[in-house]
């Protein structure tokens, strides 16, 4: 598990560094994020899918 986590963050850092130099592959960058999310705040809990505009309060 530790090697998989190190590999993920190594890839994340490489993508981020290339983006800082103006060389961004949006599909590669998007692949680093989960397809769904859960957010909590004083206003309540929300779940949704990343980048499609939908959410469920």
PDB file of N, CA and C in Angstrom:
ATOM      1  N   UNK A   1       0.822  -1.190   0.000  1.00  0.00           N
ATOM      2  CA  UNK A   1       0.000   0.000   0.000  1.00  0.00           C
ATOM      3  C   UNK A   1       0.867   1.256   0.000  1.00  0.00           C
ATOM      4  N   UNK A   2       1.911   1.277   0.814  1.00  0.00           N
ATOM      5  CA  UNK A   2       2.760   2.467   0.892  1.00  0.00           C
ATOM      6  C   UNK A   2       3.394   2.794  -0.460  1.00  0.00           C
ATOM      7  N   UNK A   3       3.814   1.764  -1.191  1.00  0.00           N
ATOM      8  CA  UNK A   3       4.432   2.034  -2.495  1.00  0.00           C
ATOM      9  C   UNK A   3       3.418   2.610  -3.477  1.00  0.00           C
ATOM     10  N   UNK A   4       2.164   2.156  -3.397  1.00  0.00           N
ATOM     11  CA  UNK A   4       1.116   2.692  -4.277  1.00  0.00           C
ATOM     12  C   UNK A   4       0.840   4.157  -3.948  1.00  0.00           C
ATOM     13  N   UNK A   5       0.847   4.496  -2.666  1.00  0.00           N
ATOM     14  CA  UNK A   5       0.610   5.880  -2.249  1.00  0.00           C
ATOM     15  C   UNK A   5       1.774   6.770  -2.699  1.00  0.00           C
ATOM     16  N   UNK A   6       2.986   6.283  -2.525  1.00  0.00           N
ATOM     17  CA  UNK A   6       4.156   7.058  -2.972  1.00  0.00           C
ATOM     18  C   UNK A   6       4.132   7.264  -4.479  1.00  0.00           C
ATOM     19  N   UNK A   7       3.747   6.232  -5.218  1.00  0.00           N
ATOM     20  CA  UNK A   7       3.669   6.339  -6.678  1.00  0.00           C
ATOM     21  C   UNK A   7       2.609   7.367  -7.081  1.00  0.00           C
ATOM     22  N   UNK A   8       1.442   7.333  -6.415  1.00  0.00           N
ATOM     23  CA  UNK A   8       0.379   8.287  -6.723  1.00  0.00           C
ATOM     24  C   UNK A   8       0.854   9.725  -6.514  1.00  0.00           C
ATOM     25  N   UNK A   9       1.450   9.998  -5.338  1.00  0.00           N
ATOM     26  CA  UNK A   9       1.872  11.368  -5.059  1.00  0.00           C
ATOM     27  C   UNK A   9       3.061  11.782  -5.919  1.00  0.00           C
ATOM     28  N   UNK A  10       3.889  10.834  -6.329  1.00  0.00           N
ATOM     29  CA  UNK A  10       4.953  11.145  -7.278  1.00  0.00           C
ATOM     30  C   UNK A  10       4.371  11.579  -8.613  1.00  0.00           C
ATOM     31  N   UNK A  11       3.351  10.858  -9.062  1.00  0.00           N
ATOM     32  CA  UNK A  11       2.674  11.221 -10.316  1.00  0.00           C
ATOM     33  C   UNK A  11       1.965  12.567 -10.177  1.00  0.00           C
ATOM     34  N   UNK A  12       1.301  12.783  -9.036  1.00  0.00           N
ATOM     35  CA  UNK A  12       0.613  14.046  -8.780  1.00  0.00           C
ATOM     36  C   UNK A  12       1.600  15.209  -8.847  1.00  0.00           C
ATOM     37  N   UNK A  13       2.744  15.068  -8.195  1.00  0.00           N
ATOM     38  CA  UNK A  13       3.759  16.129  -8.193  1.00  0.00           C
ATOM     39  C   UNK A  13       4.283  16.390  -9.597  1.00  0.00           C
ATOM     40  N   UNK A  14       4.492  15.333 -10.372  1.00  0.00           N
ATOM     41  CA  UNK A  14       4.995  15.496 -11.738  1.00  0.00           C
ATOM     42  C   UNK A  14       3.989  16.252 -12.610  1.00  0.00           C
ATOM     43  N   UNK A  15       2.717  15.894 -12.494  1.00  0.00           N
ATOM     44  CA  UNK A  15       1.668  16.578 -13.271  1.00  0.00           C
ATOM     45  C   UNK A  15       1.592  18.044 -12.854  1.00  0.00           C
ATOM     46  N   UNK A  16       1.628  18.308 -11.552  1.00  0.00           N
ATOM     47  CA  UNK A  16       1.563  19.672 -11.039  1.00  0.00           C
ATOM     48  C   UNK A  16       2.759  20.497 -11.526  1.00  0.00           C
ATOM     49  N   UNK A  17       3.946  19.923 -11.458  1.00  0.00           N
ATOM     50  CA  UNK A  17       5.141  20.645 -11.909  1.00  0.00           C
ATOM     51  C   UNK A  17       5.113  20.945 -13.400  1.00  0.00           C
ATOM     52  N   UNK A  18       4.631  19.993 -14.204  1.00  0.00           N
ATOM     53  CA  UNK A  18       4.510  20.260 -15.644  1.00  0.00           C
ATOM     54  C   UNK A  18       3.507  21.382 -15.887  1.00  0.00           C
ATOM     55  N   UNK A  19       2.417  21.405 -15.104  1.00  0.00           N
ATOM     56  CA  UNK A  19       1.403  22.461 -15.254  1.00  0.00           C
ATOM     57  C   UNK A  19       1.996  23.824 -14.922  1.00  0.00           C
ATOM     58  N   UNK A  20       2.871  23.889 -13.935  1.00  0.00           N
ATOM     59  CA  UNK A  20       3.519  25.154 -13.595  1.00  0.00           C
ATOM     60  C   UNK A  20       4.361  25.691 -14.746  1.00  0.00           C
ATOM     61  N   UNK A  21       4.796  24.798 -15.622  1.00  0.00           N
ATOM     62  CA  UNK A  21       5.589  25.200 -16.789  1.00  0.00           C
ATOM     63  C   UNK A  21       4.726  25.325 -18.044  1.00  0.00           C
ATOM     64  N   UNK A  22       3.395  25.312 -17.867  1.00  0.00           N
ATOM     65  CA  UNK A  22       2.482  25.514 -18.987  1.00  0.00           C
ATOM     66  C   UNK A  22       2.228  24.272 -19.810  1.00  0.00           C
ATOM     67  N   UNK A  23       2.622  23.120 -19.320  1.00  0.00           N
ATOM     68  CA  UNK A  23       2.446  21.862 -20.055  1.00  0.00           C
ATOM     69  C   UNK A  23       1.436  20.995 -19.308  1.00  0.00           C
ATOM     70  N   UNK A  24       0.158  21.295 -19.467  1.00  0.00           N
ATOM     71  CA  UNK A  24      -0.849  20.541 -18.721  1.00  0.00           C
ATOM     72  C   UNK A  24      -1.679  19.654 -19.628  1.00  0.00           C
ATOM     73  N   UNK A  25      -1.853  18.435 -19.200  1.00  0.00           N
ATOM     74  CA  UNK A  25      -2.743  17.482 -19.863  1.00  0.00           C
ATOM     75  C   UNK A  25      -3.958  17.367 -18.952  1.00  0.00           C
ATOM     76  N   UNK A  26      -5.048  17.991 -19.342  1.00  0.00           N
ATOM     77  CA  UNK A  26      -6.224  18.059 -18.472  1.00  0.00           C
ATOM     78  C   UNK A  26      -6.793  16.676 -18.159  1.00  0.00           C
ATOM     79  N   UNK A  27      -6.747  15.757 -19.106  1.00  0.00           N
ATOM     80  CA  UNK A  27      -7.237  14.411 -18.833  1.00  0.00           C
ATOM     81  C   UNK A  27      -6.379  13.722 -17.779  1.00  0.00           C
ATOM     82  N   UNK A  28      -5.072  13.894 -17.887  1.00  0.00           N
ATOM     83  CA  UNK A  28      -4.180  13.299 -16.894  1.00  0.00           C
ATOM     84  C   UNK A  28      -4.401  13.938 -15.523  1.00  0.00           C
ATOM     85  N   UNK A  29      -4.544  15.257 -15.490  1.00  0.00           N
ATOM     86  CA  UNK A  29      -4.789  15.949 -14.221  1.00  0.00           C
ATOM     87  C   UNK A  29      -6.125  15.505 -13.618  1.00  0.00           C
ATOM     88  N   UNK A  30      -7.151  15.401 -14.425  1.00  0.00           N
ATOM     89  CA  UNK A  30      -8.470  14.984 -13.935  1.00  0.00           C
ATOM     90  C   UNK A  30      -8.440  13.558 -13.402  1.00  0.00           C
ATOM     91  N   UNK A  31      -7.578  12.718 -13.961  1.00  0.00           N
ATOM     92  CA  UNK A  31      -7.513  11.323 -13.506  1.00  0.00           C
ATOM     93  C   UNK A  31      -6.960  11.198 -12.089  1.00  0.00           C
ATOM     94  N   UNK A  32      -6.381  12.267 -11.561  1.00  0.00           N
ATOM     95  CA  UNK A  32      -5.816  12.249 -10.214  1.00  0.00           C
ATOM     96  C   UNK A  32      -6.877  12.488  -9.137  1.00  0.00           C
ATOM     97  N   UNK A  33      -8.083  12.832  -9.528  1.00  0.00           N
ATOM     98  CA  UNK A  33      -9.142  13.159  -8.580  1.00  0.00           C
ATOM     99  C   UNK A  33     -10.255  12.118  -8.628  1.00  0.00           C
ATOM    100  N   UNK A  34     -10.928  11.942  -7.509  1.00  0.00           N
ATOM    101  CA  UNK A  34     -12.031  10.990  -7.411  1.00  0.00           C
ATOM    102  C   UNK A  34     -13.202  11.452  -8.275  1.00  0.00           C
ATOM    103  N   UNK A  35     -13.959  10.522  -8.821  1.00  0.00           N
ATOM    104  CA  UNK A  35     -15.099  10.899  -9.658  1.00  0.00           C
ATOM    105  C   UNK A  35     -16.283  11.444  -8.861  1.00  0.00           C
ATOM    106  N   UNK A  36     -16.293  11.208  -7.558  1.00  0.00           N
ATOM    107  CA  UNK A  36     -17.387  11.683  -6.710  1.00  0.00           C
ATOM    108  C   UNK A  36     -16.818  12.319  -5.448  1.00  0.00           C
ATOM    109  N   UNK A  37     -17.626  13.144  -4.790  1.00  0.00           N
ATOM    110  CA  UNK A  37     -17.154  13.813  -3.582  1.00  0.00           C
ATOM    111  C   UNK A  37     -18.255  13.895  -2.539  1.00  0.00           C
ATOM    112  N   UNK A  38     -17.837  14.110  -1.303  1.00  0.00           N
ATOM    113  CA  UNK A  38     -18.741  14.401  -0.195  1.00  0.00           C
ATOM    114  C   UNK A  38     -18.174  15.634   0.501  1.00  0.00           C
ATOM    115  N   UNK A  39     -19.016  16.621   0.751  1.00  0.00           N
ATOM    116  CA  UNK A  39     -18.596  17.844   1.431  1.00  0.00           C
ATOM    117  C   UNK A  39     -19.524  18.086   2.610  1.00  0.00           C
ATOM    118  N   UNK A  40     -18.953  18.565   3.699  1.00  0.00           N
ATOM    119  CA  UNK A  40     -19.760  18.872   4.883  1.00  0.00           C
ATOM    120  C   UNK A  40     -19.422  20.275   5.362  1.00  0.00           C
ATOM    121  N   UNK A  41     -20.441  20.999   5.772  1.00  0.00           N
ATOM    122  CA  UNK A  41     -20.268  22.353   6.296  1.00  0.00           C
ATOM    123  C   UNK A  41     -21.395  22.620   7.282  1.00  0.00           C
ATOM    124  N   UNK A  42     -21.377  23.767   7.934  1.00  0.00           N
ATOM    125  CA  UNK A  42     -22.489  24.094   8.835  1.00  0.00           C
ATOM    126  C   UNK A  42     -23.844  24.133   8.117  1.00  0.00           C
ATOM    127  N   UNK A  43     -23.827  24.323   6.800  1.00  0.00           N
ATOM    128  CA  UNK A  43     -25.071  24.360   6.035  1.00  0.00           C
ATOM    129  C   UNK A  43     -25.608  22.968   5.706  1.00  0.00           C
ATOM    130  N   UNK A  44     -24.818  21.927   5.937  1.00  0.00           N
ATOM    131  CA  UNK A  44     -25.273  20.565   5.669  1.00  0.00           C
ATOM    132  C   UNK A  44     -24.228  19.746   4.943  1.00  0.00           C
ATOM    133  N   UNK A  45     -24.652  18.584   4.478  1.00  0.00           N
ATOM    134  CA  UNK A  45     -23.790  17.640   3.770  1.00  0.00           C
ATOM    135  C   UNK A  45     -24.235  17.595   2.317  1.00  0.00           C
ATOM    136  N   UNK A  46     -23.267  17.522   1.400  1.00  0.00           N
ATOM    137  CA  UNK A  46     -23.565  17.483  -0.017  1.00  0.00           C
ATOM    138  C   UNK A  46     -22.718  16.390  -0.664  1.00  0.00           C
ATOM    139  N   UNK A  47     -23.297  15.670  -1.595  1.00  0.00           N
ATOM    140  CA  UNK A  47     -22.574  14.670  -2.380  1.00  0.00           C
ATOM    141  C   UNK A  47     -22.811  14.974  -3.845  1.00  0.00           C
ATOM    142  N   UNK A  48     -21.861  14.647  -4.656  1.00  0.00           N
ATOM    143  CA  UNK A  48     -22.021  14.892  -6.090  1.00  0.00           C
ATOM    144  C   UNK A  48     -20.928  14.256  -6.890  1.00  0.00           C
ATOM    145  N   UNK A  49     -21.010  14.422  -8.181  1.00  0.00           N
ATOM    146  CA  UNK A  49     -20.005  13.909  -9.094  1.00  0.00           C
ATOM    147  C   UNK A  49     -19.142  15.083  -9.540  1.00  0.00           C
ATOM    148  N   UNK A  50     -17.842  14.879  -9.561  1.00  0.00           N
ATOM    149  CA  UNK A  50     -16.935  15.936  -9.986  1.00  0.00           C
ATOM    150  C   UNK A  50     -17.167  16.298 -11.445  1.00  0.00           C
ATOM    151  N   UNK A  51     -17.223  17.599 -11.711  1.00  0.00           N
ATOM    152  CA  UNK A  51     -17.214  18.176 -13.047  1.00  0.00           C
ATOM    153  C   UNK A  51     -18.470  17.976 -13.880  1.00  0.00           C
ATOM    154  N   UNK A  52     -19.565  17.520 -13.296  1.00  0.00           N
ATOM    155  CA  UNK A  52     -20.774  17.438 -14.132  1.00  0.00           C
ATOM    156  C   UNK A  52     -21.866  18.379 -13.662  1.00  0.00           C
ATOM    157  N   UNK A  53     -21.573  19.138 -12.610  1.00  0.00           N
ATOM    158  CA  UNK A  53     -22.519  20.139 -12.157  1.00  0.00           C
ATOM    159  C   UNK A  53     -23.631  19.630 -11.262  1.00  0.00           C
ATOM    160  N   UNK A  54     -23.682  18.324 -10.999  1.00  0.00           N
ATOM    161  CA  UNK A  54     -24.770  17.822 -10.160  1.00  0.00           C
ATOM    162  C   UNK A  54     -24.332  17.688  -8.711  1.00  0.00           C
ATOM    163  N   UNK A  55     -25.250  17.883  -7.824  1.00  0.00           N
ATOM    164  CA  UNK A  55     -25.003  17.663  -6.399  1.00  0.00           C
ATOM    165  C   UNK A  55     -26.323  17.360  -5.728  1.00  0.00           C
ATOM    166  N   UNK A  56     -26.227  16.682  -4.599  1.00  0.00           N
ATOM    167  CA  UNK A  56     -27.421  16.312  -3.856  1.00  0.00           C
ATOM    168  C   UNK A  56     -27.285  16.799  -2.431  1.00  0.00           C
ATOM    169  N   UNK A  57     -28.130  17.746  -1.980  1.00  0.00           N
ATOM    170  CA  UNK A  57     -28.028  18.222  -0.588  1.00  0.00           C
ATOM    171  C   UNK A  57     -28.478  17.159   0.399  1.00  0.00           C
TER     172      UNK A  57
END
